[in-house]
Every structure is written in C-alpha cells, then in structure tokens.
mmCIF file of all heavy atoms, coordinates in Angstrom:
data_MODEL
# 
_entry.id   MODEL 
# 
loop_
_atom_site.group_PDB 
_atom_site.id 
_atom_site.type_symbol 
_atom_site.label_atom_id 
_atom_site.label_alt_id 
_atom_site.label_comp_id 
_atom_site.label_asym_id 
_atom_site.label_entity_id 
_atom_site.label_seq_id 
_atom_site.pdbx_PDB_ins_code 
_atom_site.Cartn_x 
_atom_site.Cartn_y 
_atom_site.Cartn_z 
_atom_site.occupancy 
_atom_site.B_iso_or_equiv 
_atom_site.pdbx_formal_charge 
_atom_site.auth_seq_id 
_atom_site.auth_comp_id 
_atom_site.auth_asym_id 
_atom_site.auth_atom_id 
_atom_site.pdbx_PDB_model_num 
ATOM 1   N N   . ALA A 1 1  ? 0.800  -1.201  0.034  1.00 0.00 ? 1  ALA A N   1 
ATOM 2   C CA  . ALA A 1 1  ? -0.038 -0.014  -0.013 1.00 0.00 ? 1  ALA A CA  1 
ATOM 3   C C   . ALA A 1 1  ? 0.846  1.253   0.050  1.00 0.00 ? 1  ALA A C   1 
ATOM 4   O O   . ALA A 1 1  ? 1.998  1.241   0.342  1.00 0.00 ? 1  ALA A O   1 
ATOM 5   C CB  . ALA A 1 1  ? -0.837 -0.014  1.235  1.00 0.00 ? 1  ALA A CB  1 
ATOM 6   N N   . ASN A 1 2  ? 0.395  2.382   -0.646 1.00 0.00 ? 2  ASN A N   1 
ATOM 7   C CA  . ASN A 1 2  ? 1.096  3.634   -0.498 1.00 0.00 ? 2  ASN A CA  1 
ATOM 8   C C   . ASN A 1 2  ? 0.952  4.237   0.768  1.00 0.00 ? 2  ASN A C   1 
ATOM 9   O O   . ASN A 1 2  ? -0.288 4.417   1.316  1.00 0.00 ? 2  ASN A O   1 
ATOM 10  C CB  . ASN A 1 2  ? 0.537  4.527   -1.743 1.00 0.00 ? 2  ASN A CB  1 
ATOM 11  C CG  . ASN A 1 2  ? 0.973  3.862   -3.034 1.00 0.00 ? 2  ASN A CG  1 
ATOM 12  O OD1 . ASN A 1 2  ? 2.031  3.234   -3.130 1.00 0.00 ? 2  ASN A OD1 1 
ATOM 13  N ND2 . ASN A 1 2  ? 0.191  4.077   -3.958 1.00 0.00 ? 2  ASN A ND2 1 
ATOM 14  N N   . LEU A 1 3  ? 2.007  4.901   1.322  1.00 0.00 ? 3  LEU A N   1 
ATOM 15  C CA  . LEU A 1 3  ? 1.834  5.758   2.381  1.00 0.00 ? 3  LEU A CA  1 
ATOM 16  C C   . LEU A 1 3  ? 1.736  7.214   1.895  1.00 0.00 ? 3  LEU A C   1 
ATOM 17  O O   . LEU A 1 3  ? 2.604  7.643   1.248  1.00 0.00 ? 3  LEU A O   1 
ATOM 18  C CB  . LEU A 1 3  ? 2.987  5.665   3.393  1.00 0.00 ? 3  LEU A CB  1 
ATOM 19  C CG  . LEU A 1 3  ? 3.186  4.237   4.032  1.00 0.00 ? 3  LEU A CG  1 
ATOM 20  C CD1 . LEU A 1 3  ? 4.556  4.198   4.806  1.00 0.00 ? 3  LEU A CD1 1 
ATOM 21  C CD2 . LEU A 1 3  ? 1.964  3.816   4.942  1.00 0.00 ? 3  LEU A CD2 1 
ATOM 22  N N   . THR A 1 4  ? 0.619  7.847   2.244  1.00 0.00 ? 4  THR A N   1 
ATOM 23  C CA  . THR A 1 4  ? 0.639  9.381   1.803  1.00 0.00 ? 4  THR A CA  1 
ATOM 24  C C   . THR A 1 4  ? 0.469  10.287  2.918  1.00 0.00 ? 4  THR A C   1 
ATOM 25  O O   . THR A 1 4  ? 0.020  9.891   4.047  1.00 0.00 ? 4  THR A O   1 
ATOM 26  C CB  . THR A 1 4  ? -0.741 9.391   0.824  1.00 0.00 ? 4  THR A CB  1 
ATOM 27  O OG1 . THR A 1 4  ? -1.970 9.081   1.586  1.00 0.00 ? 4  THR A OG1 1 
ATOM 28  C CG2 . THR A 1 4  ? -0.675 8.480   -0.400 1.00 0.00 ? 4  THR A CG2 1 
ATOM 29  N N   . ASN A 1 5  ? 0.658  11.514  2.544  1.00 0.00 ? 5  ASN A N   1 
ATOM 30  C CA  . ASN A 1 5  ? 0.581  12.681  3.502  1.00 0.00 ? 5  ASN A CA  1 
ATOM 31  C C   . ASN A 1 5  ? 1.345  12.269  4.827  1.00 0.00 ? 5  ASN A C   1 
ATOM 32  O O   . ASN A 1 5  ? 0.850  12.443  5.874  1.00 0.00 ? 5  ASN A O   1 
ATOM 33  C CB  . ASN A 1 5  ? -0.851 12.920  3.743  1.00 0.00 ? 5  ASN A CB  1 
ATOM 34  C CG  . ASN A 1 5  ? -0.972 14.296  4.393  1.00 0.00 ? 5  ASN A CG  1 
ATOM 35  O OD1 . ASN A 1 5  ? -0.126 15.158  4.175  1.00 0.00 ? 5  ASN A OD1 1 
ATOM 36  N ND2 . ASN A 1 5  ? -2.193 14.574  5.117  1.00 0.00 ? 5  ASN A ND2 1 
ATOM 37  N N   . VAL A 1 6  ? 2.552  11.920  4.746  1.00 0.00 ? 6  VAL A N   1 
ATOM 38  C CA  . VAL A 1 6  ? 3.309  11.471  5.914  1.00 0.00 ? 6  VAL A CA  1 
ATOM 39  C C   . VAL A 1 6  ? 4.175  12.700  6.265  1.00 0.00 ? 6  VAL A C   1 
ATOM 40  O O   . VAL A 1 6  ? 4.922  13.312  5.391  1.00 0.00 ? 6  VAL A O   1 
ATOM 41  C CB  . VAL A 1 6  ? 4.309  10.223  5.574  1.00 0.00 ? 6  VAL A CB  1 
ATOM 42  C CG1 . VAL A 1 6  ? 5.216  10.035  6.627  1.00 0.00 ? 6  VAL A CG1 1 
ATOM 43  C CG2 . VAL A 1 6  ? 3.461  9.096   5.059  1.00 0.00 ? 6  VAL A CG2 1 
ATOM 44  N N   . GLY A 1 7  ? 4.304  13.018  7.451  1.00 0.00 ? 7  GLY A N   1 
ATOM 45  C CA  . GLY A 1 7  ? 5.074  14.130  8.033  1.00 0.00 ? 7  GLY A CA  1 
ATOM 46  C C   . GLY A 1 7  ? 6.525  13.682  8.023  1.00 0.00 ? 7  GLY A C   1 
ATOM 47  O O   . GLY A 1 7  ? 7.141  13.571  6.922  1.00 0.00 ? 7  GLY A O   1 
ATOM 48  N N   . SER A 1 8  ? 7.041  13.347  9.115  1.00 0.00 ? 8  SER A N   1 
ATOM 49  C CA  . SER A 1 8  ? 8.444  12.887  9.176  1.00 0.00 ? 8  SER A CA  1 
ATOM 50  C C   . SER A 1 8  ? 8.550  11.456  9.637  1.00 0.00 ? 8  SER A C   1 
ATOM 51  O O   . SER A 1 8  ? 7.577  11.003  10.447 1.00 0.00 ? 8  SER A O   1 
ATOM 52  C CB  . SER A 1 8  ? 9.275  13.774  10.178 1.00 0.00 ? 8  SER A CB  1 
ATOM 53  O OG  . SER A 1 8  ? 8.695  13.700  11.494 1.00 0.00 ? 8  SER A OG  1 
ATOM 54  N N   . ILE A 1 9  ? 9.447  10.748  9.173  1.00 0.00 ? 9  ILE A N   1 
ATOM 55  C CA  . ILE A 1 9  ? 9.594  9.355   9.518  1.00 0.00 ? 9  ILE A CA  1 
ATOM 56  C C   . ILE A 1 9  ? 11.003 9.180   10.065 1.00 0.00 ? 9  ILE A C   1 
ATOM 57  O O   . ILE A 1 9  ? 12.002 9.611   9.538  1.00 0.00 ? 9  ILE A O   1 
ATOM 58  C CB  . ILE A 1 9  ? 9.423  8.401   8.311  1.00 0.00 ? 9  ILE A CB  1 
ATOM 59  C CG1 . ILE A 1 9  ? 8.044  8.512   7.777  1.00 0.00 ? 9  ILE A CG1 1 
ATOM 60  C CG2 . ILE A 1 9  ? 9.801  6.932   8.654  1.00 0.00 ? 9  ILE A CG2 1 
ATOM 61  C CD1 . ILE A 1 9  ? 7.820  7.666   6.499  1.00 0.00 ? 9  ILE A CD1 1 
ATOM 62  N N   . GLN A 1 10 ? 11.178 8.417   11.239 1.00 0.00 ? 10 GLN A N   1 
ATOM 63  C CA  . GLN A 1 10 ? 12.452 8.190   11.716 1.00 0.00 ? 10 GLN A CA  1 
ATOM 64  C C   . GLN A 1 10 ? 12.893 6.697   11.439 1.00 0.00 ? 10 GLN A C   1 
ATOM 65  O O   . GLN A 1 10 ? 12.109 5.905   11.907 1.00 0.00 ? 10 GLN A O   1 
ATOM 66  C CB  . GLN A 1 10 ? 12.634 8.473   13.258 1.00 0.00 ? 10 GLN A CB  1 
ATOM 67  C CG  . GLN A 1 10 ? 12.361 9.948   13.423 1.00 0.00 ? 10 GLN A CG  1 
ATOM 68  C CD  . GLN A 1 10 ? 12.560 10.207  14.987 1.00 0.00 ? 10 GLN A CD  1 
ATOM 69  O OE1 . GLN A 1 10 ? 12.697 9.331   15.834 1.00 0.00 ? 10 GLN A OE1 1 
ATOM 70  N NE2 . GLN A 1 10 ? 12.493 11.499  15.317 1.00 0.00 ? 10 GLN A NE2 1 
ATOM 71  N N   . LEU A 1 11 ? 13.867 6.584   10.641 1.00 0.00 ? 11 LEU A N   1 
ATOM 72  C CA  . LEU A 1 11 ? 14.358 5.178   10.255 1.00 0.00 ? 11 LEU A CA  1 
ATOM 73  C C   . LEU A 1 11 ? 15.727 4.864   10.643 1.00 0.00 ? 11 LEU A C   1 
ATOM 74  O O   . LEU A 1 11 ? 16.592 5.727   10.587 1.00 0.00 ? 11 LEU A O   1 
ATOM 75  C CB  . LEU A 1 11 ? 14.044 5.003   8.765  1.00 0.00 ? 11 LEU A CB  1 
ATOM 76  C CG  . LEU A 1 11 ? 12.651 5.177   8.140  1.00 0.00 ? 11 LEU A CG  1 
ATOM 77  C CD1 . LEU A 1 11 ? 12.828 5.138   6.716  1.00 0.00 ? 11 LEU A CD1 1 
ATOM 78  C CD2 . LEU A 1 11 ? 11.708 4.071   8.663  1.00 0.00 ? 11 LEU A CD2 1 
ATOM 79  N N   . ASP A 1 12 ? 16.010 3.661   10.862 1.00 0.00 ? 12 ASP A N   1 
ATOM 80  C CA  . ASP A 1 12 ? 17.427 3.213   10.975 1.00 0.00 ? 12 ASP A CA  1 
ATOM 81  C C   . ASP A 1 12 ? 17.895 2.745   9.646  1.00 0.00 ? 12 ASP A C   1 
ATOM 82  O O   . ASP A 1 12 ? 19.058 3.010   9.333  1.00 0.00 ? 12 ASP A O   1 
ATOM 83  C CB  . ASP A 1 12 ? 17.568 2.069   11.983 1.00 0.00 ? 12 ASP A CB  1 
ATOM 84  C CG  . ASP A 1 12 ? 17.193 2.410   13.423 1.00 0.00 ? 12 ASP A CG  1 
ATOM 85  O OD1 . ASP A 1 12 ? 17.398 3.648   13.796 1.00 0.00 ? 12 ASP A OD1 1 
ATOM 86  O OD2 . ASP A 1 12 ? 16.655 1.538   14.059 1.00 0.00 ? 12 ASP A OD2 1 
ATOM 87  N N   . SER A 1 13 ? 17.155 1.981   8.868  1.00 0.00 ? 13 SER A N   1 
ATOM 88  C CA  . SER A 1 13 ? 17.487 1.767   7.537  1.00 0.00 ? 13 SER A CA  1 
ATOM 89  C C   . SER A 1 13 ? 16.375 1.306   6.677  1.00 0.00 ? 13 SER A C   1 
ATOM 90  O O   . SER A 1 13 ? 15.250 1.254   7.110  1.00 0.00 ? 13 SER A O   1 
ATOM 91  C CB  . SER A 1 13 ? 18.461 0.487   7.582  1.00 0.00 ? 13 SER A CB  1 
ATOM 92  O OG  . SER A 1 13 ? 18.232 -0.360  8.559  1.00 0.00 ? 13 SER A OG  1 
ATOM 93  N N   . ILE A 1 14 ? 16.498 1.330   5.347  1.00 0.00 ? 14 ILE A N   1 
ATOM 94  C CA  . ILE A 1 14 ? 15.515 0.986   4.340  1.00 0.00 ? 14 ILE A CA  1 
ATOM 95  C C   . ILE A 1 14 ? 16.213 -0.181  3.546  1.00 0.00 ? 14 ILE A C   1 
ATOM 96  O O   . ILE A 1 14 ? 17.366 -0.061  3.017  1.00 0.00 ? 14 ILE A O   1 
ATOM 97  C CB  . ILE A 1 14 ? 15.331 2.150   3.438  1.00 0.00 ? 14 ILE A CB  1 
ATOM 98  C CG1 . ILE A 1 14 ? 14.757 3.443   4.314  1.00 0.00 ? 14 ILE A CG1 1 
ATOM 99  C CG2 . ILE A 1 14 ? 14.236 1.876   2.364  1.00 0.00 ? 14 ILE A CG2 1 
ATOM 100 C CD1 . ILE A 1 14 ? 14.665 4.711   3.457  1.00 0.00 ? 14 ILE A CD1 1 
ATOM 101 N N   . PHE A 1 15 ? 15.451 -1.263  3.333  1.00 0.00 ? 15 PHE A N   1 
ATOM 102 C CA  . PHE A 1 15 ? 15.906 -2.307  2.407  1.00 0.00 ? 15 PHE A CA  1 
ATOM 103 C C   . PHE A 1 15 ? 14.921 -2.379  1.294  1.00 0.00 ? 15 PHE A C   1 
ATOM 104 O O   . PHE A 1 15 ? 13.743 -2.087  1.368  1.00 0.00 ? 15 PHE A O   1 
ATOM 105 C CB  . PHE A 1 15 ? 15.875 -3.580  3.237  1.00 0.00 ? 15 PHE A CB  1 
ATOM 106 C CG  . PHE A 1 15 ? 16.870 -3.763  4.326  1.00 0.00 ? 15 PHE A CG  1 
ATOM 107 C CD1 . PHE A 1 15 ? 16.726 -3.251  5.602  1.00 0.00 ? 15 PHE A CD1 1 
ATOM 108 C CD2 . PHE A 1 15 ? 18.083 -4.237  4.019  1.00 0.00 ? 15 PHE A CD2 1 
ATOM 109 C CE1 . PHE A 1 15 ? 17.750 -3.300  6.595  1.00 0.00 ? 15 PHE A CE1 1 
ATOM 110 C CE2 . PHE A 1 15 ? 19.204 -4.287  4.945  1.00 0.00 ? 15 PHE A CE2 1 
ATOM 111 C CZ  . PHE A 1 15 ? 18.853 -3.835  6.262  1.00 0.00 ? 15 PHE A CZ  1 
ATOM 112 N N   . GLY A 1 16 ? 15.420 -2.898  0.180  1.00 0.00 ? 16 GLY A N   1 
ATOM 113 C CA  . GLY A 1 16 ? 14.717 -3.066  -1.066 1.00 0.00 ? 16 GLY A CA  1 
ATOM 114 C C   . GLY A 1 16 ? 13.680 -4.100  -0.782 1.00 0.00 ? 16 GLY A C   1 
ATOM 115 O O   . GLY A 1 16 ? 13.860 -5.174  -0.120 1.00 0.00 ? 16 GLY A O   1 
ATOM 116 N N   . ASP A 1 17 ? 12.655 -4.050  -1.410 1.00 0.00 ? 17 ASP A N   1 
ATOM 117 C CA  . ASP A 1 17 ? 11.494 -5.110  -1.427 1.00 0.00 ? 17 ASP A CA  1 
ATOM 118 C C   . ASP A 1 17 ? 12.036 -6.390  -2.077 1.00 0.00 ? 17 ASP A C   1 
ATOM 119 O O   . ASP A 1 17 ? 12.266 -6.487  -3.171 1.00 0.00 ? 17 ASP A O   1 
ATOM 120 C CB  . ASP A 1 17 ? 10.180 -4.539  -2.099 1.00 0.00 ? 17 ASP A CB  1 
ATOM 121 C CG  . ASP A 1 17 ? 8.992  -5.353  -1.887 1.00 0.00 ? 17 ASP A CG  1 
ATOM 122 O OD1 . ASP A 1 17 ? 9.006  -6.253  -0.841 1.00 0.00 ? 17 ASP A OD1 1 
ATOM 123 O OD2 . ASP A 1 17 ? 8.084  -5.338  -2.689 1.00 0.00 ? 17 ASP A OD2 1 
ATOM 124 N N   . GLY A 1 18 ? 12.157 -7.391  -1.186 1.00 0.00 ? 18 GLY A N   1 
ATOM 125 C CA  . GLY A 1 18 ? 12.699 -8.656  -1.678 1.00 0.00 ? 18 GLY A CA  1 
ATOM 126 C C   . GLY A 1 18 ? 14.137 -8.725  -2.069 1.00 0.00 ? 18 GLY A C   1 
ATOM 127 O O   . GLY A 1 18 ? 14.615 -9.612  -2.600 1.00 0.00 ? 18 GLY A O   1 
ATOM 128 N N   . ASP A 1 19 ? 14.853 -7.597  -1.667 1.00 0.00 ? 19 ASP A N   1 
ATOM 129 C CA  . ASP A 1 19 ? 16.298 -7.576  -1.835 1.00 0.00 ? 19 ASP A CA  1 
ATOM 130 C C   . ASP A 1 19 ? 16.997 -7.046  -0.545 1.00 0.00 ? 19 ASP A C   1 
ATOM 131 O O   . ASP A 1 19 ? 17.251 -5.895  -0.469 1.00 0.00 ? 19 ASP A O   1 
ATOM 132 C CB  . ASP A 1 19 ? 16.631 -6.669  -2.997 1.00 0.00 ? 19 ASP A CB  1 
ATOM 133 C CG  . ASP A 1 19 ? 18.016 -6.649  -3.409 1.00 0.00 ? 19 ASP A CG  1 
ATOM 134 O OD1 . ASP A 1 19 ? 18.913 -7.360  -2.804 1.00 0.00 ? 19 ASP A OD1 1 
ATOM 135 O OD2 . ASP A 1 19 ? 18.368 -5.842  -4.376 1.00 0.00 ? 19 ASP A OD2 1 
ATOM 136 N N   . ALA A 1 20 ? 17.292 -7.915  0.319  1.00 0.00 ? 20 ALA A N   1 
ATOM 137 C CA  . ALA A 1 20 ? 17.960 -7.580  1.554  1.00 0.00 ? 20 ALA A CA  1 
ATOM 138 C C   . ALA A 1 20 ? 19.449 -7.158  1.341  1.00 0.00 ? 20 ALA A C   1 
ATOM 139 O O   . ALA A 1 20 ? 20.086 -6.573  2.334  1.00 0.00 ? 20 ALA A O   1 
ATOM 140 C CB  . ALA A 1 20 ? 17.865 -8.643  2.602  1.00 0.00 ? 20 ALA A CB  1 
ATOM 141 N N   . ASN A 1 21 ? 19.991 -7.328  0.234  1.00 0.00 ? 21 ASN A N   1 
ATOM 142 C CA  . ASN A 1 21 ? 21.424 -7.019  0.064  1.00 0.00 ? 21 ASN A CA  1 
ATOM 143 C C   . ASN A 1 21 ? 21.487 -5.423  -0.474 1.00 0.00 ? 21 ASN A C   1 
ATOM 144 O O   . ASN A 1 21 ? 22.640 -4.905  -0.671 1.00 0.00 ? 21 ASN A O   1 
ATOM 145 C CB  . ASN A 1 21 ? 22.025 -7.763  -1.157 1.00 0.00 ? 21 ASN A CB  1 
ATOM 146 C CG  . ASN A 1 21 ? 22.192 -9.188  -0.574 1.00 0.00 ? 21 ASN A CG  1 
ATOM 147 O OD1 . ASN A 1 21 ? 22.559 -9.472  0.529  1.00 0.00 ? 21 ASN A OD1 1 
ATOM 148 N ND2 . ASN A 1 21 ? 22.119 -10.129 -1.554 1.00 0.00 ? 21 ASN A ND2 1 
ATOM 149 N N   . THR A 1 22 ? 20.331 -4.772  -0.694 1.00 0.00 ? 22 THR A N   1 
ATOM 150 C CA  . THR A 1 22 ? 20.424 -3.433  -1.112 1.00 0.00 ? 22 THR A CA  1 
ATOM 151 C C   . THR A 1 22 ? 19.688 -2.694  0.055  1.00 0.00 ? 22 THR A C   1 
ATOM 152 O O   . THR A 1 22 ? 18.587 -2.868  0.367  1.00 0.00 ? 22 THR A O   1 
ATOM 153 C CB  . THR A 1 22 ? 19.593 -3.177  -2.405 1.00 0.00 ? 22 THR A CB  1 
ATOM 154 O OG1 . THR A 1 22 ? 20.210 -4.093  -3.456 1.00 0.00 ? 22 THR A OG1 1 
ATOM 155 C CG2 . THR A 1 22 ? 19.689 -1.799  -2.929 1.00 0.00 ? 22 THR A CG2 1 
ATOM 156 N N   . SER A 1 23 ? 20.442 -1.537  0.564  1.00 0.00 ? 23 SER A N   1 
ATOM 157 C CA  . SER A 1 23 ? 19.858 -0.758  1.687  1.00 0.00 ? 23 SER A CA  1 
ATOM 158 C C   . SER A 1 23 ? 20.467 0.545   1.758  1.00 0.00 ? 23 SER A C   1 
ATOM 159 O O   . SER A 1 23 ? 21.494 0.887   1.183  1.00 0.00 ? 23 SER A O   1 
ATOM 160 C CB  . SER A 1 23 ? 20.118 -1.560  2.869  1.00 0.00 ? 23 SER A CB  1 
ATOM 161 O OG  . SER A 1 23 ? 21.595 -1.616  3.215  1.00 0.00 ? 23 SER A OG  1 
ATOM 162 N N   . ILE A 1 24 ? 19.695 1.421   2.421  1.00 0.00 ? 24 ILE A N   1 
ATOM 163 C CA  . ILE A 1 24 ? 20.181 2.682   2.731  1.00 0.00 ? 24 ILE A CA  1 
ATOM 164 C C   . ILE A 1 24 ? 20.063 2.656   4.391  1.00 0.00 ? 24 ILE A C   1 
ATOM 165 O O   . ILE A 1 24 ? 19.079 2.507   5.053  1.00 0.00 ? 24 ILE A O   1 
ATOM 166 C CB  . ILE A 1 24 ? 19.429 3.822   2.297  1.00 0.00 ? 24 ILE A CB  1 
ATOM 167 C CG1 . ILE A 1 24 ? 19.439 3.777   0.758  1.00 0.00 ? 24 ILE A CG1 1 
ATOM 168 C CG2 . ILE A 1 24 ? 19.786 5.236   2.845  1.00 0.00 ? 24 ILE A CG2 1 
ATOM 169 C CD1 . ILE A 1 24 ? 18.311 4.822   0.219  1.00 0.00 ? 24 ILE A CD1 1 
ATOM 170 N N   . THR A 1 25 ? 21.271 2.997   5.135  1.00 0.00 ? 25 THR A N   1 
ATOM 171 C CA  . THR A 1 25 ? 21.323 2.971   6.508  1.00 0.00 ? 25 THR A CA  1 
ATOM 172 C C   . THR A 1 25 ? 21.585 4.311   7.121  1.00 0.00 ? 25 THR A C   1 
ATOM 173 O O   . THR A 1 25 ? 22.567 4.984   6.594  1.00 0.00 ? 25 THR A O   1 
ATOM 174 C CB  . THR A 1 25 ? 22.293 1.937   6.957  1.00 0.00 ? 25 THR A CB  1 
ATOM 175 O OG1 . THR A 1 25 ? 22.072 0.594   6.411  1.00 0.00 ? 25 THR A OG1 1 
ATOM 176 C CG2 . THR A 1 25 ? 22.320 1.729   8.522  1.00 0.00 ? 25 THR A CG2 1 
ATOM 177 N N   . PHE A 1 26 ? 21.025 4.745   8.037  1.00 0.00 ? 26 PHE A N   1 
ATOM 178 C CA  . PHE A 1 26 ? 21.229 6.072   8.717  1.00 0.00 ? 26 PHE A CA  1 
ATOM 179 C C   . PHE A 1 26 ? 21.791 5.749   10.058 1.00 0.00 ? 26 PHE A C   1 
ATOM 180 O O   . PHE A 1 26 ? 21.176 5.212   10.995 1.00 0.00 ? 26 PHE A O   1 
ATOM 181 C CB  . PHE A 1 26 ? 19.870 6.793   8.894  1.00 0.00 ? 26 PHE A CB  1 
ATOM 182 C CG  . PHE A 1 26 ? 19.080 7.081   7.643  1.00 0.00 ? 26 PHE A CG  1 
ATOM 183 C CD1 . PHE A 1 26 ? 18.198 5.968   7.294  1.00 0.00 ? 26 PHE A CD1 1 
ATOM 184 C CD2 . PHE A 1 26 ? 19.378 8.061   6.802  1.00 0.00 ? 26 PHE A CD2 1 
ATOM 185 C CE1 . PHE A 1 26 ? 17.497 6.183   6.139  1.00 0.00 ? 26 PHE A CE1 1 
ATOM 186 C CE2 . PHE A 1 26 ? 18.698 8.107   5.602  1.00 0.00 ? 26 PHE A CE2 1 
ATOM 187 C CZ  . PHE A 1 26 ? 17.747 7.231   5.312  1.00 0.00 ? 26 PHE A CZ  1 
ATOM 188 N N   . SER A 1 27 ? 23.140 6.093   10.244 1.00 0.00 ? 27 SER A N   1 
ATOM 189 C CA  . SER A 1 27 ? 23.836 5.796   11.507 1.00 0.00 ? 27 SER A CA  1 
ATOM 190 C C   . SER A 1 27 ? 23.492 6.924   12.498 1.00 0.00 ? 27 SER A C   1 
ATOM 191 O O   . SER A 1 27 ? 22.937 8.014   12.198 1.00 0.00 ? 27 SER A O   1 
ATOM 192 C CB  . SER A 1 27 ? 25.300 5.683   11.240 1.00 0.00 ? 27 SER A CB  1 
ATOM 193 O OG  . SER A 1 27 ? 25.817 7.043   11.236 1.00 0.00 ? 27 SER A OG  1 
ATOM 194 N N   . GLY A 1 28 ? 23.849 6.586   13.840 1.00 0.00 ? 28 GLY A N   1 
ATOM 195 C CA  . GLY A 1 28 ? 23.785 7.677   14.746 1.00 0.00 ? 28 GLY A CA  1 
ATOM 196 C C   . GLY A 1 28 ? 24.903 8.615   14.812 1.00 0.00 ? 28 GLY A C   1 
ATOM 197 O O   . GLY A 1 28 ? 24.901 9.544   15.626 1.00 0.00 ? 28 GLY A O   1 
# 
C-alpha cells in the first residue's frame, strides 16, 4: 500500500522489497 501525507519518519535503515542486499542505513 502507498503511504501518503506523511510528515516525518525516523528510520534506522531501508531495504529493497525482496532484496535484503540493497539498503540505505542512517547511523547515529
């Protein structure tokens, strides 16, 4: 499903759908 009208999101990392070898990680 699409997430719409989102304010801010705090994430540690983002992984590709079905591809755990591709990611964007935000460190502290």
